[in-house]
Amino acid sequence: MAKRNQPRSKRARKAGFTVLGLALLLTLGCQGAIPSPPPTSAPDLSVAIPIEGTEVGQAAPAFQVTDAFDREVTLSSLIDQKPGLLFFTTTYCLPCIEGLQHLARFQADLGGDHFSVLIVFVDLAESDRDLQNYQQYFGFPPDWYYALDTDDMVVKYRIRALDTKFVIDLNGVIQYADVFPANYETWRQALATVGIVPAR
């Protein structure tokens, strides 16, 4: 079972990031996704942007974490009976917060619990209490998972920017991946890859 709230030095080593590497990730991630879309045109969200090593069509890497509300979550449990969604962020990434607000609205519009959500927080200087406050302050759904990355998920999923997201089907295969800030249309297109479409 993954341990939470380890001493900061141990947790930093566990994440597999140098301080410089994490700073670069956070700086680039909050400014936008990598690679950046051309300045004269918006990204075509109808086409998933593959992430090296974790591309659409590949098996999602296994993981095991315990979230801020003491719930264990693994890849198998995340996609048990319904597709899963992974979202990599920090509590202070503003574009990520906006993207998750759109996701919460999309889920509410579906009128049911059609997919599981794991929010992975990559800054291990944060604590479970920070994640609990984050969920409560922004009113994000309590049935989503909110977990510090204590299982090298940033390495396993080759995360290069915040706002990186993956949709995983019931067979554990990645069906959607991108690194762009999300809006409502992002989630509509992403979840459609596993057959989740709002009623018209």
N, C-alpha and C. Protein backbone atom coordinates (compact mmCIF):
# COMPACT_ATOMS: atom_id res chain seq x y z
N MET A 1 0.85 -1.20 0.00
CA MET A 1 0.00 0.00 0.00
C MET A 1 0.88 1.24 0.00
N ALA A 2 0.61 2.22 -0.87
CA ALA A 2 1.42 3.42 -0.95
C ALA A 2 1.28 4.23 0.33
N LYS A 3 2.38 4.79 0.80
CA LYS A 3 2.34 5.58 2.03
C LYS A 3 2.14 7.04 1.71
N ARG A 4 1.38 7.70 2.54
CA ARG A 4 1.11 9.12 2.37
C ARG A 4 1.84 9.91 3.42
N ASN A 5 1.94 11.22 3.17
CA ASN A 5 2.51 12.16 4.13
C ASN A 5 3.89 11.73 4.62
N GLN A 6 4.72 11.22 3.68
CA GLN A 6 6.08 10.89 4.03
C GLN A 6 6.83 12.20 4.27
N PRO A 7 7.99 12.15 4.95
CA PRO A 7 8.79 13.37 5.06
C PRO A 7 9.08 13.92 3.68
N ARG A 8 9.16 15.23 3.58
CA ARG A 8 9.24 15.87 2.28
C ARG A 8 10.41 15.35 1.45
N SER A 9 11.59 15.15 2.06
CA SER A 9 12.75 14.69 1.30
C SER A 9 12.51 13.32 0.69
N LYS A 10 11.88 12.42 1.45
CA LYS A 10 11.60 11.09 0.94
C LYS A 10 10.56 11.15 -0.17
N ARG A 11 9.53 11.99 0.03
CA ARG A 11 8.49 12.09 -0.98
C ARG A 11 9.03 12.68 -2.27
N ALA A 12 9.95 13.64 -2.16
CA ALA A 12 10.53 14.23 -3.36
C ALA A 12 11.32 13.20 -4.15
N ARG A 13 12.09 12.35 -3.42
CA ARG A 13 12.82 11.29 -4.11
C ARG A 13 11.85 10.31 -4.74
N LYS A 14 10.78 9.98 -4.04
CA LYS A 14 9.79 9.03 -4.55
C LYS A 14 9.19 9.51 -5.85
N ALA A 15 8.97 10.81 -6.00
CA ALA A 15 8.36 11.34 -7.21
C ALA A 15 9.27 11.25 -8.41
N GLY A 16 10.56 11.12 -8.22
CA GLY A 16 11.47 10.97 -9.33
C GLY A 16 11.78 12.29 -10.03
N PHE A 17 11.48 13.40 -9.41
CA PHE A 17 11.73 14.72 -9.98
C PHE A 17 12.84 15.41 -9.21
N THR A 18 13.69 16.14 -9.90
CA THR A 18 14.58 17.08 -9.22
C THR A 18 13.78 18.33 -8.94
N VAL A 19 14.25 19.17 -8.05
CA VAL A 19 13.56 20.42 -7.77
C VAL A 19 13.46 21.25 -9.03
N LEU A 20 14.54 21.28 -9.80
CA LEU A 20 14.52 22.04 -11.04
C LEU A 20 13.51 21.48 -12.02
N GLY A 21 13.46 20.16 -12.12
CA GLY A 21 12.53 19.52 -13.04
C GLY A 21 11.09 19.81 -12.67
N LEU A 22 10.76 19.75 -11.39
CA LEU A 22 9.39 20.03 -10.96
C LEU A 22 9.05 21.48 -11.20
N ALA A 23 10.01 22.38 -10.93
CA ALA A 23 9.75 23.81 -11.17
C ALA A 23 9.47 24.06 -12.64
N LEU A 24 10.23 23.40 -13.51
CA LEU A 24 10.01 23.56 -14.95
C LEU A 24 8.64 23.02 -15.34
N LEU A 25 8.28 21.86 -14.81
CA LEU A 25 6.98 21.26 -15.11
C LEU A 25 5.86 22.20 -14.70
N LEU A 26 5.92 22.75 -13.49
CA LEU A 26 4.85 23.60 -12.99
C LEU A 26 4.79 24.91 -13.77
N THR A 27 5.96 25.48 -14.07
CA THR A 27 5.98 26.74 -14.81
C THR A 27 5.39 26.58 -16.20
N LEU A 28 5.83 25.56 -16.91
CA LEU A 28 5.34 25.34 -18.26
C LEU A 28 3.89 24.91 -18.25
N GLY A 29 3.55 24.08 -17.27
CA GLY A 29 2.18 23.55 -17.23
C GLY A 29 1.15 24.62 -16.98
N CYS A 30 1.42 25.57 -16.10
CA CYS A 30 0.45 26.60 -15.80
C CYS A 30 0.37 27.66 -16.89
N GLN A 31 1.39 27.72 -17.74
CA GLN A 31 1.33 28.65 -18.86
C GLN A 31 0.58 28.04 -20.03
N GLY A 32 0.48 26.74 -20.07
CA GLY A 32 -0.17 26.05 -21.18
C GLY A 32 0.46 24.70 -21.37
N ALA A 33 -0.05 23.95 -22.30
CA ALA A 33 0.44 22.61 -22.51
C ALA A 33 1.68 22.61 -23.38
N ILE A 34 2.41 21.52 -23.32
CA ILE A 34 3.56 21.32 -24.18
C ILE A 34 3.26 20.12 -25.07
N PRO A 35 3.39 20.15 -26.36
CA PRO A 35 3.82 21.32 -27.11
C PRO A 35 2.72 22.37 -27.20
N SER A 36 3.11 23.65 -27.29
CA SER A 36 2.14 24.72 -27.37
C SER A 36 1.50 24.74 -28.75
N PRO A 37 0.21 25.05 -28.83
CA PRO A 37 -0.42 25.18 -30.13
C PRO A 37 0.12 26.41 -30.85
N PRO A 38 0.07 26.44 -32.18
CA PRO A 38 0.53 27.62 -32.90
C PRO A 38 -0.21 28.86 -32.41
N PRO A 39 0.47 30.00 -32.30
CA PRO A 39 -0.17 31.19 -31.74
C PRO A 39 -1.32 31.73 -32.57
N THR A 40 -1.38 31.35 -33.86
CA THR A 40 -2.43 31.87 -34.73
C THR A 40 -3.65 30.98 -34.81
N SER A 41 -3.60 29.80 -34.15
CA SER A 41 -4.74 28.90 -34.24
C SER A 41 -4.91 28.12 -32.95
N ALA A 42 -6.15 27.79 -32.62
CA ALA A 42 -6.44 26.98 -31.44
C ALA A 42 -6.20 25.52 -31.76
N PRO A 43 -5.91 24.68 -30.74
CA PRO A 43 -5.70 23.26 -31.00
C PRO A 43 -6.97 22.59 -31.48
N ASP A 44 -6.81 21.61 -32.33
CA ASP A 44 -7.95 20.82 -32.80
C ASP A 44 -8.25 19.74 -31.78
N LEU A 45 -9.25 19.99 -30.93
CA LEU A 45 -9.54 19.05 -29.85
C LEU A 45 -10.22 17.78 -30.33
N SER A 46 -10.54 17.70 -31.60
CA SER A 46 -11.14 16.48 -32.11
C SER A 46 -10.10 15.40 -32.31
N VAL A 47 -8.81 15.77 -32.22
CA VAL A 47 -7.73 14.82 -32.39
C VAL A 47 -6.94 14.79 -31.09
N ALA A 48 -6.85 13.63 -30.45
CA ALA A 48 -6.10 13.52 -29.21
C ALA A 48 -4.61 13.73 -29.49
N ILE A 49 -3.93 14.42 -28.60
CA ILE A 49 -2.50 14.64 -28.73
C ILE A 49 -1.79 13.54 -27.96
N PRO A 50 -1.04 12.66 -28.64
CA PRO A 50 -0.41 11.54 -27.93
C PRO A 50 0.69 11.99 -27.00
N ILE A 51 0.85 11.31 -25.89
CA ILE A 51 1.93 11.56 -24.95
C ILE A 51 2.94 10.44 -25.13
N GLU A 52 4.20 10.77 -25.30
CA GLU A 52 5.21 9.75 -25.56
C GLU A 52 5.23 8.69 -24.47
N GLY A 53 5.11 7.45 -24.86
CA GLY A 53 5.15 6.35 -23.91
C GLY A 53 3.81 6.01 -23.31
N THR A 54 2.85 6.89 -23.44
CA THR A 54 1.50 6.64 -22.93
C THR A 54 0.52 7.13 -23.99
N GLU A 55 0.59 6.56 -25.15
CA GLU A 55 -0.20 7.02 -26.27
C GLU A 55 -1.57 6.35 -26.31
N VAL A 56 -2.46 6.98 -27.04
CA VAL A 56 -3.77 6.38 -27.29
C VAL A 56 -3.56 5.01 -27.92
N GLY A 57 -4.28 4.02 -27.39
CA GLY A 57 -4.15 2.66 -27.89
C GLY A 57 -3.22 1.80 -27.07
N GLN A 58 -2.43 2.41 -26.19
CA GLN A 58 -1.53 1.65 -25.32
C GLN A 58 -2.22 1.33 -23.99
N ALA A 59 -1.72 0.29 -23.34
CA ALA A 59 -2.22 -0.05 -22.00
C ALA A 59 -1.77 1.00 -21.01
N ALA A 60 -2.68 1.43 -20.16
CA ALA A 60 -2.34 2.42 -19.12
C ALA A 60 -1.45 1.78 -18.07
N PRO A 61 -0.39 2.46 -17.63
CA PRO A 61 0.46 1.92 -16.57
C PRO A 61 -0.32 1.73 -15.26
N ALA A 62 0.00 0.66 -14.56
CA ALA A 62 -0.65 0.39 -13.27
C ALA A 62 -0.13 1.36 -12.22
N PHE A 63 -0.96 1.60 -11.20
CA PHE A 63 -0.57 2.47 -10.09
C PHE A 63 -1.37 2.08 -8.86
N GLN A 64 -0.91 2.57 -7.71
CA GLN A 64 -1.61 2.36 -6.44
C GLN A 64 -1.31 3.54 -5.54
N VAL A 65 -2.33 4.31 -5.23
CA VAL A 65 -2.19 5.46 -4.34
C VAL A 65 -3.34 5.44 -3.34
N THR A 66 -3.18 6.22 -2.29
CA THR A 66 -4.25 6.44 -1.32
C THR A 66 -4.59 7.92 -1.34
N ASP A 67 -5.86 8.24 -1.51
CA ASP A 67 -6.20 9.65 -1.70
C ASP A 67 -6.32 10.40 -0.37
N ALA A 68 -6.59 11.68 -0.47
CA ALA A 68 -6.62 12.55 0.71
C ALA A 68 -7.73 12.19 1.69
N PHE A 69 -8.69 11.39 1.24
CA PHE A 69 -9.79 10.97 2.11
C PHE A 69 -9.64 9.50 2.51
N ASP A 70 -8.38 9.02 2.43
CA ASP A 70 -8.00 7.68 2.89
C ASP A 70 -8.65 6.56 2.08
N ARG A 71 -8.85 6.80 0.79
CA ARG A 71 -9.41 5.78 -0.10
C ARG A 71 -8.31 5.29 -1.02
N GLU A 72 -8.08 3.99 -1.01
CA GLU A 72 -7.09 3.43 -1.92
C GLU A 72 -7.66 3.36 -3.33
N VAL A 73 -6.84 3.71 -4.30
CA VAL A 73 -7.28 3.62 -5.69
C VAL A 73 -6.14 3.07 -6.53
N THR A 74 -6.48 2.13 -7.38
CA THR A 74 -5.54 1.52 -8.31
C THR A 74 -6.12 1.67 -9.71
N LEU A 75 -5.33 1.33 -10.71
CA LEU A 75 -5.87 1.36 -12.06
C LEU A 75 -7.07 0.44 -12.17
N SER A 76 -6.96 -0.76 -11.59
CA SER A 76 -8.06 -1.73 -11.65
C SER A 76 -9.32 -1.21 -10.99
N SER A 77 -9.19 -0.58 -9.84
CA SER A 77 -10.39 -0.09 -9.15
C SER A 77 -10.97 1.13 -9.85
N LEU A 78 -10.10 1.94 -10.46
CA LEU A 78 -10.58 3.14 -11.15
C LEU A 78 -11.48 2.78 -12.33
N ILE A 79 -11.13 1.69 -13.03
CA ILE A 79 -11.90 1.32 -14.23
C ILE A 79 -12.79 0.11 -13.99
N ASP A 80 -13.07 -0.18 -12.73
CA ASP A 80 -13.97 -1.28 -12.40
C ASP A 80 -15.40 -0.86 -12.71
N GLN A 81 -15.99 -1.43 -13.73
CA GLN A 81 -17.39 -1.23 -14.13
C GLN A 81 -17.65 0.06 -14.91
N LYS A 82 -16.69 0.99 -14.97
CA LYS A 82 -16.87 2.20 -15.77
C LYS A 82 -15.51 2.77 -16.15
N PRO A 83 -15.44 3.54 -17.24
CA PRO A 83 -14.17 4.12 -17.66
C PRO A 83 -13.60 5.06 -16.60
N GLY A 84 -12.30 5.29 -16.69
CA GLY A 84 -11.63 6.17 -15.74
C GLY A 84 -10.97 7.35 -16.41
N LEU A 85 -10.80 8.41 -15.65
CA LEU A 85 -10.15 9.63 -16.14
C LEU A 85 -9.07 10.03 -15.16
N LEU A 86 -7.85 10.24 -15.66
CA LEU A 86 -6.74 10.74 -14.86
C LEU A 86 -6.47 12.19 -15.23
N PHE A 87 -6.22 13.03 -14.23
CA PHE A 87 -5.93 14.44 -14.48
C PHE A 87 -4.80 14.86 -13.57
N PHE A 88 -3.71 15.40 -14.13
CA PHE A 88 -2.51 15.76 -13.37
C PHE A 88 -2.47 17.26 -13.14
N THR A 89 -2.27 17.67 -11.88
CA THR A 89 -2.38 19.08 -11.53
C THR A 89 -1.65 19.39 -10.23
N THR A 90 -1.85 20.61 -9.73
CA THR A 90 -1.51 21.05 -8.37
C THR A 90 -2.71 21.83 -7.87
N THR A 91 -2.73 22.15 -6.58
CA THR A 91 -3.87 22.92 -6.07
C THR A 91 -3.85 24.36 -6.55
N TYR A 92 -2.70 24.82 -7.05
CA TYR A 92 -2.57 26.24 -7.41
C TYR A 92 -2.46 26.47 -8.91
N CYS A 93 -2.74 25.47 -9.72
CA CYS A 93 -2.75 25.65 -11.17
C CYS A 93 -4.12 26.18 -11.59
N LEU A 94 -4.20 27.46 -11.92
CA LEU A 94 -5.49 28.09 -12.20
C LEU A 94 -6.17 27.54 -13.45
N PRO A 95 -5.47 27.32 -14.58
CA PRO A 95 -6.15 26.73 -15.73
C PRO A 95 -6.71 25.34 -15.43
N CYS A 96 -6.00 24.61 -14.56
CA CYS A 96 -6.46 23.26 -14.19
C CYS A 96 -7.77 23.33 -13.39
N ILE A 97 -7.86 24.30 -12.50
CA ILE A 97 -9.08 24.47 -11.71
C ILE A 97 -10.26 24.76 -12.64
N GLU A 98 -10.04 25.64 -13.59
CA GLU A 98 -11.11 25.95 -14.55
C GLU A 98 -11.51 24.72 -15.35
N GLY A 99 -10.51 23.94 -15.76
CA GLY A 99 -10.81 22.72 -16.51
C GLY A 99 -11.62 21.73 -15.70
N LEU A 100 -11.30 21.59 -14.42
CA LEU A 100 -12.04 20.68 -13.56
C LEU A 100 -13.45 21.19 -13.28
N GLN A 101 -13.64 22.50 -13.25
CA GLN A 101 -14.99 23.04 -13.10
C GLN A 101 -15.85 22.66 -14.31
N HIS A 102 -15.25 22.72 -15.49
CA HIS A 102 -15.97 22.29 -16.70
C HIS A 102 -16.27 20.79 -16.62
N LEU A 103 -15.33 20.00 -16.10
CA LEU A 103 -15.56 18.56 -15.98
C LEU A 103 -16.71 18.28 -15.02
N ALA A 104 -16.76 18.99 -13.90
CA ALA A 104 -17.84 18.79 -12.93
C ALA A 104 -19.19 19.13 -13.56
N ARG A 105 -19.22 20.20 -14.37
CA ARG A 105 -20.47 20.56 -15.04
C ARG A 105 -20.86 19.52 -16.08
N PHE A 106 -19.87 19.03 -16.81
CA PHE A 106 -20.14 17.99 -17.80
C PHE A 106 -20.72 16.75 -17.12
N GLN A 107 -20.11 16.34 -16.02
CA GLN A 107 -20.59 15.16 -15.30
C GLN A 107 -22.01 15.38 -14.78
N ALA A 108 -22.28 16.57 -14.27
CA ALA A 108 -23.63 16.88 -13.78
C ALA A 108 -24.64 16.84 -14.91
N ASP A 109 -24.25 17.31 -16.08
CA ASP A 109 -25.16 17.30 -17.23
C ASP A 109 -25.49 15.89 -17.70
N LEU A 110 -24.58 14.96 -17.44
CA LEU A 110 -24.85 13.57 -17.82
C LEU A 110 -25.96 12.97 -16.96
N GLY A 111 -26.12 13.52 -15.76
CA GLY A 111 -27.18 13.05 -14.88
C GLY A 111 -26.92 11.69 -14.27
N GLY A 112 -25.66 11.34 -14.13
CA GLY A 112 -25.34 10.04 -13.53
C GLY A 112 -23.84 9.88 -13.34
N ASP A 113 -23.47 8.77 -12.73
CA ASP A 113 -22.08 8.48 -12.41
C ASP A 113 -21.53 7.54 -13.47
N HIS A 114 -21.12 8.09 -14.62
CA HIS A 114 -20.76 7.26 -15.77
C HIS A 114 -19.26 7.00 -15.90
N PHE A 115 -18.43 7.70 -15.14
CA PHE A 115 -16.98 7.50 -15.22
C PHE A 115 -16.35 7.87 -13.89
N SER A 116 -15.18 7.29 -13.62
CA SER A 116 -14.44 7.57 -12.40
C SER A 116 -13.37 8.62 -12.68
N VAL A 117 -13.03 9.41 -11.66
CA VAL A 117 -12.06 10.48 -11.82
C VAL A 117 -11.00 10.39 -10.72
N LEU A 118 -9.74 10.39 -11.13
CA LEU A 118 -8.62 10.49 -10.18
C LEU A 118 -7.83 11.74 -10.52
N ILE A 119 -7.80 12.70 -9.58
CA ILE A 119 -7.00 13.90 -9.72
C ILE A 119 -5.67 13.62 -9.03
N VAL A 120 -4.57 13.70 -9.79
CA VAL A 120 -3.24 13.39 -9.27
C VAL A 120 -2.49 14.70 -9.07
N PHE A 121 -2.05 14.95 -7.84
CA PHE A 121 -1.35 16.18 -7.49
C PHE A 121 0.15 15.91 -7.47
N VAL A 122 0.89 16.62 -8.32
CA VAL A 122 2.29 16.28 -8.56
C VAL A 122 3.27 17.00 -7.64
N ASP A 123 2.82 18.02 -6.91
CA ASP A 123 3.70 18.73 -5.99
C ASP A 123 3.61 18.09 -4.62
N LEU A 124 4.62 17.30 -4.26
CA LEU A 124 4.55 16.56 -3.01
C LEU A 124 4.89 17.41 -1.79
N ALA A 125 5.11 18.70 -1.99
CA ALA A 125 5.19 19.61 -0.84
C ALA A 125 3.79 19.90 -0.30
N GLU A 126 2.77 19.57 -1.09
CA GLU A 126 1.40 19.73 -0.63
C GLU A 126 1.03 18.54 0.27
N SER A 127 -0.06 18.69 0.99
CA SER A 127 -0.47 17.67 1.96
C SER A 127 -1.90 17.20 1.68
N ASP A 128 -2.28 16.13 2.34
CA ASP A 128 -3.65 15.65 2.24
C ASP A 128 -4.64 16.73 2.65
N ARG A 129 -4.29 17.52 3.68
CA ARG A 129 -5.18 18.59 4.12
C ARG A 129 -5.35 19.63 3.02
N ASP A 130 -4.28 19.94 2.28
CA ASP A 130 -4.39 20.87 1.16
C ASP A 130 -5.38 20.34 0.12
N LEU A 131 -5.31 19.05 -0.15
CA LEU A 131 -6.19 18.44 -1.15
C LEU A 131 -7.64 18.42 -0.67
N GLN A 132 -7.84 18.15 0.61
CA GLN A 132 -9.19 18.18 1.17
C GLN A 132 -9.78 19.58 1.07
N ASN A 133 -8.98 20.59 1.42
CA ASN A 133 -9.45 21.97 1.33
C ASN A 133 -9.77 22.35 -0.11
N TYR A 134 -8.96 21.89 -1.03
CA TYR A 134 -9.15 22.15 -2.46
C TYR A 134 -10.49 21.60 -2.93
N GLN A 135 -10.78 20.37 -2.58
CA GLN A 135 -12.05 19.75 -2.97
C GLN A 135 -13.23 20.52 -2.38
N GLN A 136 -13.12 20.88 -1.13
CA GLN A 136 -14.23 21.54 -0.46
C GLN A 136 -14.39 22.99 -0.91
N TYR A 137 -13.29 23.71 -1.08
CA TYR A 137 -13.36 25.11 -1.45
C TYR A 137 -13.99 25.30 -2.83
N PHE A 138 -13.60 24.46 -3.78
CA PHE A 138 -14.12 24.59 -5.14
C PHE A 138 -15.39 23.77 -5.37
N GLY A 139 -15.81 23.02 -4.37
CA GLY A 139 -17.04 22.24 -4.48
C GLY A 139 -16.96 21.13 -5.51
N PHE A 140 -15.77 20.56 -5.70
CA PHE A 140 -15.64 19.46 -6.64
C PHE A 140 -16.30 18.20 -6.06
N PRO A 141 -16.76 17.30 -6.91
CA PRO A 141 -17.51 16.14 -6.43
C PRO A 141 -16.74 15.31 -5.40
N PRO A 142 -17.39 14.94 -4.30
CA PRO A 142 -16.71 14.16 -3.27
C PRO A 142 -16.39 12.73 -3.70
N ASP A 143 -17.03 12.25 -4.79
CA ASP A 143 -16.74 10.89 -5.23
C ASP A 143 -15.52 10.83 -6.16
N TRP A 144 -14.98 11.97 -6.56
CA TRP A 144 -13.70 11.96 -7.27
C TRP A 144 -12.61 11.60 -6.27
N TYR A 145 -11.51 11.06 -6.77
CA TYR A 145 -10.34 10.78 -5.93
C TYR A 145 -9.36 11.94 -6.06
N TYR A 146 -8.73 12.31 -4.92
CA TYR A 146 -7.78 13.41 -4.87
C TYR A 146 -6.53 12.88 -4.18
N ALA A 147 -5.48 12.60 -4.96
CA ALA A 147 -4.33 11.90 -4.40
C ALA A 147 -3.01 12.55 -4.75
N LEU A 148 -2.10 12.59 -3.77
CA LEU A 148 -0.73 12.96 -4.04
C LEU A 148 -0.08 11.83 -4.83
N ASP A 149 0.86 12.19 -5.68
CA ASP A 149 1.53 11.18 -6.51
C ASP A 149 2.62 10.49 -5.70
N THR A 150 2.24 9.47 -4.97
CA THR A 150 3.19 8.71 -4.16
C THR A 150 3.64 7.43 -4.85
N ASP A 151 3.30 7.28 -6.13
CA ASP A 151 3.65 6.05 -6.84
C ASP A 151 4.30 6.35 -8.20
N ASP A 152 5.03 7.43 -8.27
CA ASP A 152 5.77 7.78 -9.50
C ASP A 152 4.87 7.82 -10.73
N MET A 153 3.65 8.27 -10.58
CA MET A 153 2.75 8.33 -11.74
C MET A 153 3.24 9.34 -12.78
N VAL A 154 3.90 10.41 -12.33
CA VAL A 154 4.44 11.37 -13.29
C VAL A 154 5.49 10.74 -14.18
N VAL A 155 6.19 9.75 -13.64
CA VAL A 155 7.19 9.03 -14.42
C VAL A 155 6.52 7.98 -15.29
N LYS A 156 5.63 7.20 -14.68
CA LYS A 156 4.95 6.13 -15.41
C LYS A 156 4.15 6.66 -16.60
N TYR A 157 3.53 7.81 -16.41
CA TYR A 157 2.71 8.39 -17.48
C TYR A 157 3.45 9.46 -18.27
N ARG A 158 4.73 9.66 -17.98
CA ARG A 158 5.59 10.60 -18.71
C ARG A 158 4.98 12.00 -18.78
N ILE A 159 4.62 12.51 -17.60
CA ILE A 159 3.97 13.82 -17.53
C ILE A 159 4.98 14.93 -17.76
N ARG A 160 4.67 15.84 -18.67
CA ARG A 160 5.54 16.96 -19.00
C ARG A 160 4.88 18.30 -18.72
N ALA A 161 3.60 18.31 -18.41
CA ALA A 161 2.89 19.56 -18.16
C ALA A 161 1.67 19.28 -17.31
N LEU A 162 1.27 20.29 -16.55
CA LEU A 162 -0.01 20.20 -15.85
C LEU A 162 -1.13 20.24 -16.88
N ASP A 163 -2.31 19.85 -16.44
CA ASP A 163 -3.47 19.76 -17.32
C ASP A 163 -3.42 18.52 -18.22
N THR A 164 -2.42 17.65 -18.04
CA THR A 164 -2.39 16.42 -18.81
C THR A 164 -3.51 15.51 -18.33
N LYS A 165 -4.20 14.92 -19.27
CA LYS A 165 -5.36 14.08 -18.95
C LYS A 165 -5.37 12.81 -19.80
N PHE A 166 -5.91 11.74 -19.24
CA PHE A 166 -6.05 10.47 -19.93
C PHE A 166 -7.44 9.91 -19.67
N VAL A 167 -8.07 9.37 -20.70
CA VAL A 167 -9.30 8.62 -20.54
C VAL A 167 -8.96 7.16 -20.81
N ILE A 168 -9.34 6.30 -19.89
CA ILE A 168 -8.97 4.88 -19.94
C ILE A 168 -10.23 4.04 -19.97
N ASP A 169 -10.29 3.10 -20.91
CA ASP A 169 -11.50 2.28 -21.04
C ASP A 169 -11.50 1.12 -20.06
N LEU A 170 -12.55 0.31 -20.12
CA LEU A 170 -12.72 -0.78 -19.17
C LEU A 170 -11.66 -1.86 -19.31
N ASN A 171 -10.97 -1.89 -20.44
CA ASN A 171 -9.89 -2.87 -20.65
C ASN A 171 -8.53 -2.32 -20.25
N GLY A 172 -8.50 -1.10 -19.70
CA GLY A 172 -7.24 -0.51 -19.28
C GLY A 172 -6.44 0.10 -20.41
N VAL A 173 -7.10 0.39 -21.53
CA VAL A 173 -6.44 0.97 -22.69
C VAL A 173 -6.72 2.46 -22.74
N ILE A 174 -5.69 3.25 -23.00
CA ILE A 174 -5.85 4.70 -23.12
C ILE A 174 -6.57 5.03 -24.42
N GLN A 175 -7.69 5.71 -24.30
CA GLN A 175 -8.49 6.08 -25.47
C GLN A 175 -8.39 7.56 -25.81
N TYR A 176 -7.87 8.36 -24.89
CA TYR A 176 -7.74 9.80 -25.13
C TYR A 176 -6.60 10.31 -24.25
N ALA A 177 -5.79 11.20 -24.80
CA ALA A 177 -4.73 11.85 -24.03
C ALA A 177 -4.46 13.21 -24.64
N ASP A 178 -4.37 14.24 -23.79
CA ASP A 178 -3.89 15.52 -24.29
C ASP A 178 -3.28 16.35 -23.17
N VAL A 179 -2.66 17.46 -23.57
CA VAL A 179 -1.95 18.29 -22.60
C VAL A 179 -2.44 19.73 -22.63
N PHE A 180 -3.59 19.96 -23.25
CA PHE A 180 -4.12 21.32 -23.37
C PHE A 180 -5.07 21.66 -22.21
N PRO A 181 -5.12 22.93 -21.80
CA PRO A 181 -6.15 23.33 -20.83
C PRO A 181 -7.53 22.93 -21.33
N ALA A 182 -8.37 22.47 -20.43
CA ALA A 182 -9.65 21.87 -20.82
C ALA A 182 -10.81 22.84 -20.68
N ASN A 183 -11.76 22.71 -21.62
CA ASN A 183 -13.05 23.37 -21.49
C ASN A 183 -14.14 22.32 -21.60
N TYR A 184 -15.36 22.74 -21.64
CA TYR A 184 -16.48 21.79 -21.67
C TYR A 184 -16.38 20.88 -22.90
N GLU A 185 -16.04 21.46 -24.04
CA GLU A 185 -15.95 20.69 -25.28
C GLU A 185 -14.83 19.65 -25.21
N THR A 186 -13.76 19.97 -24.51
CA THR A 186 -12.68 19.00 -24.31
C THR A 186 -13.23 17.72 -23.69
N TRP A 187 -14.00 17.89 -22.62
CA TRP A 187 -14.52 16.72 -21.90
C TRP A 187 -15.56 15.98 -22.73
N ARG A 188 -16.36 16.72 -23.47
CA ARG A 188 -17.34 16.05 -24.33
C ARG A 188 -16.63 15.14 -25.34
N GLN A 189 -15.59 15.66 -25.96
CA GLN A 189 -14.87 14.88 -26.95
C GLN A 189 -14.05 13.76 -26.32
N ALA A 190 -13.43 14.05 -25.17
CA ALA A 190 -12.61 13.05 -24.50
C ALA A 190 -13.43 11.84 -24.05
N LEU A 191 -14.56 12.11 -23.40
CA LEU A 191 -15.37 11.01 -22.87
C LEU A 191 -16.14 10.29 -23.97
N ALA A 192 -16.35 10.96 -25.09
CA ALA A 192 -17.01 10.29 -26.22
C ALA A 192 -16.19 9.13 -26.74
N THR A 193 -14.87 9.16 -26.50
CA THR A 193 -14.01 8.06 -26.97
C THR A 193 -14.30 6.74 -26.24
N VAL A 194 -14.99 6.82 -25.10
CA VAL A 194 -15.39 5.60 -24.41
C VAL A 194 -16.91 5.49 -24.34
N GLY A 195 -17.59 6.17 -25.27
CA GLY A 195 -19.03 6.02 -25.43
C GLY A 195 -19.88 6.83 -24.49
N ILE A 196 -19.29 7.82 -23.81
CA ILE A 196 -20.06 8.65 -22.88
C ILE A 196 -20.43 9.95 -23.57
N VAL A 197 -21.71 10.12 -23.87
CA VAL A 197 -22.18 11.28 -24.60
C VAL A 197 -23.42 11.82 -23.89
N PRO A 198 -23.47 13.15 -23.63
CA PRO A 198 -24.65 13.71 -22.97
C PRO A 198 -25.90 13.54 -23.85
N ALA A 199 -27.03 13.35 -23.22
CA ALA A 199 -28.30 13.26 -23.97
C ALA A 199 -28.58 14.60 -24.61
N ARG A 200 -29.12 14.56 -25.80
CA ARG A 200 -29.46 15.81 -26.52
C ARG A 200 -30.83 16.30 -26.10
